[in-house]
Amino acid sequence: MAEAQARYYGRIFRVVLKHPGVVTRVTFWGTHDWTSWLNFWPVAGRTNHPLLWGRDLKPKPALGGVLDALATP
């Protein structure tokens, strides 16, 4: 799942970069997976891992996907 998330975020950021006049910013609603507002919502007991840093506060492959997209001209 982590690699799929990295590819997905990379694709999203490549699309964003193709439209600089339309998309002016991207917001992540949290800093790391441990504090994600999606944990336990909408289903009690469910966890979610949507952010760029994991529950252990280490960067996830998704961060690499975003950085690769930003570094590609």
Protein backbone atom coordinates (compact mmCIF):
# COMPACT_ATOMS: atom_id res chain seq x y z
CA MET A 1 0.00 0.00 0.00
CA ALA A 2 2.85 2.39 0.75
CA GLU A 3 4.23 2.07 -2.78
CA ALA A 4 0.77 2.52 -4.30
CA GLN A 5 0.31 5.65 -2.19
CA ALA A 6 3.69 6.97 -3.39
CA ARG A 7 2.72 6.47 -7.04
CA TYR A 8 -0.71 8.05 -6.47
CA TYR A 9 0.68 11.14 -4.72
CA GLY A 10 3.35 11.46 -7.41
CA ARG A 11 0.66 11.45 -10.12
CA ILE A 12 -1.42 14.00 -8.24
CA PHE A 13 1.51 16.39 -7.89
CA ARG A 14 2.51 16.00 -11.54
CA VAL A 15 -1.02 17.04 -12.54
CA VAL A 16 -0.94 19.97 -10.10
CA LEU A 17 2.37 21.14 -11.54
CA LYS A 18 0.94 21.10 -15.07
CA HIS A 19 -1.70 23.65 -14.02
CA PRO A 20 0.10 26.31 -11.97
CA GLY A 21 -2.51 29.00 -12.67
CA VAL A 22 -5.39 26.77 -11.61
CA VAL A 23 -4.04 24.96 -8.55
CA THR A 24 -2.14 27.31 -6.30
CA ARG A 25 -1.62 25.12 -3.23
CA VAL A 26 -2.05 21.66 -1.77
CA THR A 27 -2.97 21.14 1.86
CA PHE A 28 -2.37 18.01 3.90
CA TRP A 29 -4.71 17.82 6.88
CA GLY A 30 -2.16 16.65 9.40
CA THR A 31 1.54 16.05 9.83
CA HIS A 32 1.80 12.30 10.43
CA ASP A 33 -0.43 9.24 10.39
CA TRP A 34 -0.66 8.93 14.17
CA THR A 35 -2.68 12.17 14.40
CA SER A 36 -4.70 11.80 11.18
CA TRP A 37 -8.28 12.96 11.59
CA LEU A 38 -9.29 9.97 9.44
CA ASN A 39 -8.38 7.48 12.17
CA PHE A 40 -11.58 6.04 13.62
CA TRP A 41 -13.72 7.98 11.12
CA PRO A 42 -16.18 7.15 9.64
CA VAL A 43 -15.76 3.68 11.15
CA ALA A 44 -14.83 3.18 14.80
CA GLY A 45 -11.59 1.24 15.19
CA ARG A 46 -10.41 1.84 11.62
CA THR A 47 -6.99 3.39 11.05
CA ASN A 48 -5.93 5.38 8.04
CA HIS A 49 -2.49 6.22 6.70
CA PRO A 50 -2.97 9.22 4.35
CA LEU A 51 -0.02 11.44 5.20
CA LEU A 52 3.62 11.74 4.18
CA TRP A 53 5.08 10.69 7.54
CA GLY A 54 4.14 7.45 9.26
CA ARG A 55 3.05 6.74 12.80
CA ASP A 56 6.73 6.30 13.68
CA LEU A 57 7.39 9.89 12.45
CA LYS A 58 9.61 8.60 9.64
CA PRO A 59 9.09 9.68 6.02
CA LYS A 60 7.01 7.27 3.95
CA PRO A 61 7.53 6.39 0.27
CA ALA A 62 4.71 8.87 -0.46
CA LEU A 63 7.05 11.72 0.47
CA GLY A 64 9.50 10.42 -2.11
CA GLY A 65 6.72 10.33 -4.70
CA VAL A 66 5.89 13.97 -4.03
CA LEU A 67 9.54 15.07 -4.02
CA ASP A 68 10.22 13.19 -7.27
CA ALA A 69 7.28 14.92 -8.93
CA LEU A 70 8.48 18.32 -7.69
CA ALA A 71 12.03 17.66 -8.91
CA THR A 72 10.96 16.58 -12.40
CA PRO A 73 10.84 19.51 -14.82
